[in-house]
Amino acid sequence: MIKKNGRPSKFTEELADEICARISQGESLNKICKENDKPSLVTVFSWMRTREQFLNNYTRAREQQAETFVDEILSICDEVLPTGIDGKIDPSVLNQARLKIDARKWVASKLKPKRFGEASVLKIDADKDLQPILNLTLNK
């Protein structure tokens, strides 16, 4: 008998709940699945296709992750950055903080676009865009 080498792929509610909880706390699925006792990314994606409840929980966890990222942005902004002997903040430290903020903002806007996405504005030229509708209404 040949023993299969690989990570576990048996679905359990406990494992699914742990994965979703960790995602909602800001961890990446990729990082979680790289652990030896966790299923592979392919397996988790398969669970999403075949287990509706897991997909629902995963989707909610991702939405909660957006909220976590926004909280992390505030923490990064409130963090006191170290200064050098000259009393100035090292530009590389400042750029790293900016990168962390921008990455979290971008991901949050994709995970929860209605709440954290860019607001779109629809411009309507009343004379041009509404004239055909007004003509139809008036000609009845």
N, C-alpha and C. Protein backbone atom coordinates (compact mmCIF):
# COMPACT_ATOMS: atom_id res chain seq x y z
N MET A 1 0.84 -1.18 0.00
CA MET A 1 0.00 0.00 0.00
C MET A 1 0.88 1.24 0.00
N ILE A 2 0.57 2.16 -0.90
CA ILE A 2 1.34 3.39 -1.02
C ILE A 2 0.63 4.49 -0.25
N LYS A 3 1.38 5.10 0.62
CA LYS A 3 0.83 6.20 1.41
C LYS A 3 0.95 7.50 0.63
N LYS A 4 -0.15 8.23 0.54
CA LYS A 4 -0.15 9.52 -0.14
C LYS A 4 0.51 10.56 0.75
N ASN A 5 1.38 11.33 0.14
CA ASN A 5 1.95 12.47 0.85
C ASN A 5 1.18 13.71 0.43
N GLY A 6 0.90 14.54 1.34
CA GLY A 6 0.17 15.76 1.03
C GLY A 6 -0.54 16.28 2.25
N ARG A 7 -1.19 17.39 2.06
CA ARG A 7 -1.88 17.99 3.17
C ARG A 7 -3.30 17.46 3.26
N PRO A 8 -3.90 17.60 4.43
CA PRO A 8 -5.25 17.06 4.60
C PRO A 8 -6.26 17.78 3.71
N SER A 9 -7.21 16.99 3.21
CA SER A 9 -8.21 17.60 2.35
C SER A 9 -9.62 17.31 2.84
N LYS A 10 -9.74 16.65 3.99
CA LYS A 10 -11.07 16.35 4.51
C LYS A 10 -11.69 17.59 5.12
N PHE A 11 -12.89 17.87 4.66
CA PHE A 11 -13.61 19.04 5.14
C PHE A 11 -14.17 18.76 6.52
N THR A 12 -13.96 19.71 7.43
CA THR A 12 -14.65 19.69 8.72
C THR A 12 -15.15 21.10 8.99
N GLU A 13 -16.24 21.20 9.71
CA GLU A 13 -16.79 22.52 10.06
C GLU A 13 -15.77 23.31 10.88
N GLU A 14 -15.05 22.63 11.77
CA GLU A 14 -14.07 23.31 12.62
C GLU A 14 -12.96 23.94 11.78
N LEU A 15 -12.46 23.18 10.80
CA LEU A 15 -11.40 23.69 9.95
C LEU A 15 -11.91 24.84 9.09
N ALA A 16 -13.10 24.69 8.54
CA ALA A 16 -13.70 25.76 7.72
C ALA A 16 -13.91 27.01 8.56
N ASP A 17 -14.40 26.85 9.78
CA ASP A 17 -14.60 28.01 10.66
C ASP A 17 -13.29 28.69 11.01
N GLU A 18 -12.24 27.90 11.23
CA GLU A 18 -10.93 28.47 11.55
C GLU A 18 -10.40 29.29 10.37
N ILE A 19 -10.53 28.74 9.17
CA ILE A 19 -10.06 29.45 7.97
C ILE A 19 -10.80 30.77 7.82
N CYS A 20 -12.12 30.73 7.96
CA CYS A 20 -12.92 31.96 7.81
C CYS A 20 -12.60 32.97 8.92
N ALA A 21 -12.41 32.49 10.13
CA ALA A 21 -12.09 33.39 11.24
C ALA A 21 -10.75 34.09 11.00
N ARG A 22 -9.79 33.34 10.54
CA ARG A 22 -8.47 33.93 10.31
C ARG A 22 -8.49 34.92 9.15
N ILE A 23 -9.28 34.62 8.14
CA ILE A 23 -9.41 35.56 7.02
C ILE A 23 -10.06 36.85 7.51
N SER A 24 -11.13 36.73 8.31
CA SER A 24 -11.81 37.93 8.80
C SER A 24 -10.90 38.78 9.68
N GLN A 25 -9.86 38.16 10.25
CA GLN A 25 -8.91 38.90 11.09
C GLN A 25 -7.74 39.46 10.29
N GLY A 26 -7.81 39.30 8.95
CA GLY A 26 -6.81 39.95 8.11
C GLY A 26 -5.78 39.04 7.47
N GLU A 27 -5.76 37.76 7.80
CA GLU A 27 -4.78 36.86 7.20
C GLU A 27 -5.17 36.52 5.77
N SER A 28 -4.18 36.20 4.97
CA SER A 28 -4.47 35.81 3.59
C SER A 28 -4.73 34.30 3.52
N LEU A 29 -5.59 33.93 2.59
CA LEU A 29 -5.88 32.50 2.38
C LEU A 29 -4.61 31.78 1.95
N ASN A 30 -3.81 32.43 1.14
CA ASN A 30 -2.56 31.84 0.69
C ASN A 30 -1.65 31.48 1.87
N LYS A 31 -1.51 32.40 2.81
CA LYS A 31 -0.66 32.17 3.99
C LYS A 31 -1.21 31.02 4.84
N ILE A 32 -2.52 31.00 5.03
CA ILE A 32 -3.15 29.94 5.83
C ILE A 32 -2.91 28.58 5.19
N CYS A 33 -3.09 28.51 3.88
CA CYS A 33 -2.98 27.22 3.18
C CYS A 33 -1.55 26.73 3.05
N LYS A 34 -0.57 27.57 3.31
CA LYS A 34 0.82 27.13 3.27
C LYS A 34 1.23 26.36 4.53
N GLU A 35 0.41 26.42 5.57
CA GLU A 35 0.73 25.69 6.79
C GLU A 35 0.55 24.19 6.55
N ASN A 36 1.40 23.40 7.19
CA ASN A 36 1.42 21.95 6.95
C ASN A 36 0.11 21.25 7.28
N ASP A 37 -0.59 21.70 8.29
CA ASP A 37 -1.81 21.00 8.70
C ASP A 37 -3.07 21.57 8.06
N LYS A 38 -2.91 22.43 7.05
CA LYS A 38 -4.06 23.06 6.39
C LYS A 38 -4.20 22.53 4.96
N PRO A 39 -5.41 22.57 4.43
CA PRO A 39 -5.61 22.12 3.05
C PRO A 39 -4.96 23.09 2.06
N SER A 40 -4.74 22.62 0.85
CA SER A 40 -4.15 23.47 -0.18
C SER A 40 -5.18 24.48 -0.68
N LEU A 41 -4.70 25.48 -1.39
CA LEU A 41 -5.59 26.47 -2.00
C LEU A 41 -6.59 25.79 -2.93
N VAL A 42 -6.12 24.83 -3.71
CA VAL A 42 -6.99 24.12 -4.65
C VAL A 42 -8.13 23.44 -3.91
N THR A 43 -7.83 22.85 -2.77
CA THR A 43 -8.85 22.18 -1.98
C THR A 43 -9.87 23.18 -1.45
N VAL A 44 -9.39 24.29 -0.92
CA VAL A 44 -10.32 25.30 -0.39
C VAL A 44 -11.20 25.85 -1.51
N PHE A 45 -10.62 26.09 -2.69
CA PHE A 45 -11.42 26.55 -3.82
C PHE A 45 -12.46 25.50 -4.22
N SER A 46 -12.09 24.24 -4.10
CA SER A 46 -13.04 23.16 -4.39
C SER A 46 -14.18 23.17 -3.38
N TRP A 47 -13.87 23.40 -2.11
CA TRP A 47 -14.91 23.49 -1.09
C TRP A 47 -15.87 24.63 -1.42
N MET A 48 -15.34 25.74 -1.93
CA MET A 48 -16.20 26.87 -2.27
C MET A 48 -17.17 26.50 -3.38
N ARG A 49 -16.71 25.69 -4.33
CA ARG A 49 -17.58 25.28 -5.44
C ARG A 49 -18.63 24.26 -5.01
N THR A 50 -18.30 23.43 -4.04
CA THR A 50 -19.18 22.31 -3.70
C THR A 50 -19.95 22.47 -2.39
N ARG A 51 -19.58 23.44 -1.59
CA ARG A 51 -20.24 23.61 -0.29
C ARG A 51 -20.74 25.05 -0.16
N GLU A 52 -22.03 25.20 -0.38
CA GLU A 52 -22.64 26.54 -0.41
C GLU A 52 -22.48 27.27 0.93
N GLN A 53 -22.65 26.57 2.03
CA GLN A 53 -22.52 27.21 3.35
C GLN A 53 -21.10 27.72 3.57
N PHE A 54 -20.11 26.93 3.16
CA PHE A 54 -18.73 27.38 3.29
C PHE A 54 -18.50 28.62 2.43
N LEU A 55 -19.00 28.62 1.21
CA LEU A 55 -18.86 29.78 0.34
C LEU A 55 -19.49 31.02 0.97
N ASN A 56 -20.67 30.86 1.55
CA ASN A 56 -21.34 31.99 2.23
C ASN A 56 -20.50 32.51 3.39
N ASN A 57 -19.98 31.59 4.21
CA ASN A 57 -19.16 31.98 5.35
C ASN A 57 -17.86 32.64 4.89
N TYR A 58 -17.27 32.10 3.82
CA TYR A 58 -16.03 32.66 3.27
C TYR A 58 -16.28 34.08 2.75
N THR A 59 -17.39 34.27 2.05
CA THR A 59 -17.75 35.59 1.51
C THR A 59 -17.93 36.60 2.64
N ARG A 60 -18.61 36.19 3.70
CA ARG A 60 -18.79 37.07 4.86
C ARG A 60 -17.44 37.37 5.52
N ALA A 61 -16.58 36.37 5.60
CA ALA A 61 -15.26 36.58 6.20
C ALA A 61 -14.46 37.60 5.40
N ARG A 62 -14.57 37.55 4.08
CA ARG A 62 -13.87 38.53 3.25
C ARG A 62 -14.42 39.93 3.47
N GLU A 63 -15.72 40.06 3.61
CA GLU A 63 -16.31 41.37 3.89
C GLU A 63 -15.84 41.88 5.25
N GLN A 64 -15.75 40.99 6.22
CA GLN A 64 -15.26 41.38 7.55
C GLN A 64 -13.78 41.74 7.48
N GLN A 65 -13.05 41.07 6.58
CA GLN A 65 -11.64 41.38 6.40
C GLN A 65 -11.46 42.83 5.95
N ALA A 66 -12.36 43.31 5.13
CA ALA A 66 -12.30 44.71 4.69
C ALA A 66 -12.39 45.64 5.89
N GLU A 67 -13.28 45.33 6.81
CA GLU A 67 -13.42 46.14 8.04
C GLU A 67 -12.13 46.07 8.86
N THR A 68 -11.52 44.90 8.93
CA THR A 68 -10.26 44.74 9.66
C THR A 68 -9.18 45.60 9.03
N PHE A 69 -9.11 45.60 7.69
CA PHE A 69 -8.11 46.41 7.01
C PHE A 69 -8.29 47.89 7.28
N VAL A 70 -9.53 48.34 7.33
CA VAL A 70 -9.78 49.76 7.63
C VAL A 70 -9.30 50.08 9.05
N ASP A 71 -9.56 49.19 10.00
CA ASP A 71 -9.06 49.40 11.36
C ASP A 71 -7.53 49.44 11.37
N GLU A 72 -6.89 48.56 10.57
CA GLU A 72 -5.43 48.55 10.50
C GLU A 72 -4.90 49.85 9.90
N ILE A 73 -5.62 50.40 8.93
CA ILE A 73 -5.21 51.68 8.34
C ILE A 73 -5.16 52.76 9.42
N LEU A 74 -6.19 52.79 10.25
CA LEU A 74 -6.22 53.78 11.33
C LEU A 74 -5.07 53.56 12.30
N SER A 75 -4.76 52.31 12.60
CA SER A 75 -3.63 52.02 13.50
C SER A 75 -2.31 52.47 12.90
N ILE A 76 -2.14 52.22 11.61
CA ILE A 76 -0.90 52.64 10.94
C ILE A 76 -0.78 54.16 10.97
N CYS A 77 -1.89 54.84 10.73
CA CYS A 77 -1.88 56.31 10.76
C CYS A 77 -1.57 56.86 12.15
N ASP A 78 -2.05 56.18 13.18
CA ASP A 78 -1.84 56.65 14.55
C ASP A 78 -0.47 56.26 15.10
N GLU A 79 0.22 55.36 14.43
CA GLU A 79 1.52 54.88 14.89
C GLU A 79 2.54 56.01 14.83
N VAL A 80 3.31 56.13 15.89
CA VAL A 80 4.38 57.12 15.93
C VAL A 80 5.59 56.51 15.24
N LEU A 81 6.01 57.15 14.17
CA LEU A 81 7.13 56.62 13.40
C LEU A 81 8.44 57.10 14.01
N PRO A 82 9.44 56.24 14.00
CA PRO A 82 10.73 56.61 14.61
C PRO A 82 11.42 57.72 13.82
N THR A 83 12.09 58.56 14.55
CA THR A 83 12.84 59.64 13.92
C THR A 83 14.33 59.38 14.09
N GLY A 84 15.08 59.93 13.19
CA GLY A 84 16.53 59.80 13.25
C GLY A 84 17.14 60.82 14.20
N ILE A 85 18.44 60.89 14.22
CA ILE A 85 19.16 61.83 15.08
C ILE A 85 18.78 63.28 14.73
N ASP A 86 18.50 63.49 13.45
CA ASP A 86 18.15 64.85 13.00
C ASP A 86 16.69 65.20 13.29
N GLY A 87 15.95 64.27 13.89
CA GLY A 87 14.56 64.51 14.25
C GLY A 87 13.59 64.28 13.10
N LYS A 88 14.09 63.81 11.96
CA LYS A 88 13.23 63.57 10.80
C LYS A 88 12.92 62.08 10.66
N ILE A 89 11.78 61.81 10.08
CA ILE A 89 11.38 60.43 9.82
C ILE A 89 12.09 59.96 8.56
N ASP A 90 12.66 58.77 8.64
CA ASP A 90 13.33 58.16 7.49
C ASP A 90 12.30 58.01 6.36
N PRO A 91 12.59 58.52 5.17
CA PRO A 91 11.64 58.42 4.05
C PRO A 91 11.24 56.98 3.72
N SER A 92 12.13 56.03 3.89
CA SER A 92 11.79 54.64 3.58
C SER A 92 10.76 54.10 4.57
N VAL A 93 10.82 54.53 5.82
CA VAL A 93 9.83 54.12 6.82
C VAL A 93 8.47 54.74 6.48
N LEU A 94 8.50 55.99 6.10
CA LEU A 94 7.28 56.69 5.72
C LEU A 94 6.65 56.04 4.47
N ASN A 95 7.49 55.70 3.50
CA ASN A 95 6.99 55.06 2.28
C ASN A 95 6.41 53.68 2.57
N GLN A 96 7.01 52.96 3.50
CA GLN A 96 6.49 51.65 3.87
C GLN A 96 5.11 51.79 4.51
N ALA A 97 4.94 52.76 5.38
CA ALA A 97 3.64 53.00 6.00
C ALA A 97 2.60 53.38 4.94
N ARG A 98 3.01 54.23 4.02
CA ARG A 98 2.11 54.64 2.92
C ARG A 98 1.71 53.44 2.07
N LEU A 99 2.65 52.57 1.78
CA LEU A 99 2.37 51.37 0.99
C LEU A 99 1.39 50.45 1.71
N LYS A 100 1.58 50.28 3.01
CA LYS A 100 0.66 49.45 3.80
C LYS A 100 -0.76 50.02 3.75
N ILE A 101 -0.85 51.31 3.91
CA ILE A 101 -2.17 51.97 3.88
C ILE A 101 -2.81 51.82 2.51
N ASP A 102 -2.05 52.11 1.46
CA ASP A 102 -2.61 52.03 0.11
C ASP A 102 -3.05 50.62 -0.25
N ALA A 103 -2.26 49.63 0.13
CA ALA A 103 -2.63 48.24 -0.17
C ALA A 103 -3.93 47.85 0.54
N ARG A 104 -4.05 48.22 1.81
CA ARG A 104 -5.26 47.89 2.56
C ARG A 104 -6.48 48.64 2.01
N LYS A 105 -6.27 49.90 1.64
CA LYS A 105 -7.37 50.69 1.04
C LYS A 105 -7.85 50.03 -0.24
N TRP A 106 -6.92 49.62 -1.08
CA TRP A 106 -7.28 49.02 -2.36
C TRP A 106 -8.05 47.71 -2.15
N VAL A 107 -7.52 46.85 -1.28
CA VAL A 107 -8.18 45.56 -1.04
C VAL A 107 -9.55 45.78 -0.42
N ALA A 108 -9.66 46.66 0.55
CA ALA A 108 -10.95 46.95 1.18
C ALA A 108 -11.96 47.45 0.14
N SER A 109 -11.50 48.27 -0.79
CA SER A 109 -12.42 48.80 -1.81
C SER A 109 -12.90 47.71 -2.76
N LYS A 110 -12.13 46.66 -2.93
CA LYS A 110 -12.53 45.55 -3.79
C LYS A 110 -13.40 44.55 -3.03
N LEU A 111 -13.10 44.34 -1.75
CA LEU A 111 -13.87 43.38 -0.96
C LEU A 111 -15.26 43.91 -0.61
N LYS A 112 -15.33 45.23 -0.38
CA LYS A 112 -16.59 45.85 0.03
C LYS A 112 -16.76 47.17 -0.72
N PRO A 113 -17.02 47.09 -2.03
CA PRO A 113 -17.01 48.30 -2.84
C PRO A 113 -18.09 49.31 -2.49
N LYS A 114 -19.24 48.86 -2.05
CA LYS A 114 -20.31 49.82 -1.72
C LYS A 114 -19.91 50.69 -0.54
N ARG A 115 -19.17 50.13 0.37
CA ARG A 115 -18.78 50.88 1.56
C ARG A 115 -17.45 51.60 1.41
N PHE A 116 -16.47 50.94 0.78
CA PHE A 116 -15.12 51.49 0.74
C PHE A 116 -14.62 51.82 -0.66
N GLY A 117 -15.43 51.58 -1.69
CA GLY A 117 -15.02 51.87 -3.06
C GLY A 117 -15.16 53.34 -3.37
N GLU A 118 -14.61 53.70 -4.50
CA GLU A 118 -14.71 55.08 -4.96
C GLU A 118 -16.15 55.36 -5.35
N ALA A 119 -16.66 56.50 -4.98
CA ALA A 119 -18.02 56.87 -5.36
C ALA A 119 -18.02 57.31 -6.81
N SER A 120 -18.96 56.77 -7.58
CA SER A 120 -19.08 57.22 -8.97
C SER A 120 -20.19 58.24 -9.07
N VAL A 121 -19.97 59.18 -9.93
CA VAL A 121 -20.95 60.23 -10.15
C VAL A 121 -21.46 60.10 -11.57
N LEU A 122 -22.76 60.04 -11.72
CA LEU A 122 -23.38 59.95 -13.03
C LEU A 122 -23.80 61.35 -13.45
N LYS A 123 -23.24 61.82 -14.56
CA LYS A 123 -23.58 63.15 -15.05
C LYS A 123 -24.64 63.00 -16.13
N ILE A 124 -25.67 63.79 -16.03
CA ILE A 124 -26.74 63.77 -17.01
C ILE A 124 -26.91 65.18 -17.57
N ASP A 125 -26.87 65.26 -18.87
CA ASP A 125 -27.17 66.52 -19.54
C ASP A 125 -28.67 66.50 -19.78
N ALA A 126 -29.41 67.29 -19.01
CA ALA A 126 -30.87 67.23 -19.05
C ALA A 126 -31.42 67.51 -20.43
N ASP A 127 -30.84 68.46 -21.15
CA ASP A 127 -31.35 68.79 -22.49
C ASP A 127 -31.12 67.63 -23.46
N LYS A 128 -29.95 67.05 -23.41
CA LYS A 128 -29.58 66.01 -24.38
C LYS A 128 -30.13 64.65 -23.98
N ASP A 129 -29.94 64.21 -22.73
CA ASP A 129 -30.26 62.86 -22.31
C ASP A 129 -31.74 62.64 -22.03
N LEU A 130 -32.46 63.65 -21.58
CA LEU A 130 -33.87 63.48 -21.23
C LEU A 130 -34.82 63.86 -22.35
N GLN A 131 -34.33 64.51 -23.40
CA GLN A 131 -35.21 64.96 -24.48
C GLN A 131 -35.97 63.80 -25.14
N PRO A 132 -35.32 62.67 -25.47
CA PRO A 132 -36.08 61.57 -26.08
C PRO A 132 -37.19 61.04 -25.18
N ILE A 133 -36.95 61.00 -23.87
CA ILE A 133 -37.95 60.51 -22.93
C ILE A 133 -39.11 61.51 -22.86
N LEU A 134 -38.79 62.81 -22.83
CA LEU A 134 -39.83 63.83 -22.79
C LEU A 134 -40.69 63.80 -24.05
N ASN A 135 -40.06 63.59 -25.21
CA ASN A 135 -40.80 63.54 -26.48
C ASN A 135 -41.78 62.37 -26.48
N LEU A 136 -41.34 61.22 -25.97
CA LEU A 136 -42.22 60.04 -25.91
C LEU A 136 -43.41 60.31 -25.01
N THR A 137 -43.17 60.95 -23.90
CA THR A 137 -44.22 61.22 -22.93
C THR A 137 -45.22 62.25 -23.47
N LEU A 138 -44.70 63.29 -24.11
CA LEU A 138 -45.55 64.36 -24.61
C LEU A 138 -46.36 63.97 -25.85
N ASN A 139 -45.86 63.03 -26.63
CA ASN A 139 -46.52 62.62 -27.86
C ASN A 139 -47.63 61.59 -27.63
N LYS A 140 -47.86 61.17 -26.43
CA LYS A 140 -48.89 60.17 -26.15
C LYS A 140 -50.25 60.76 -26.17
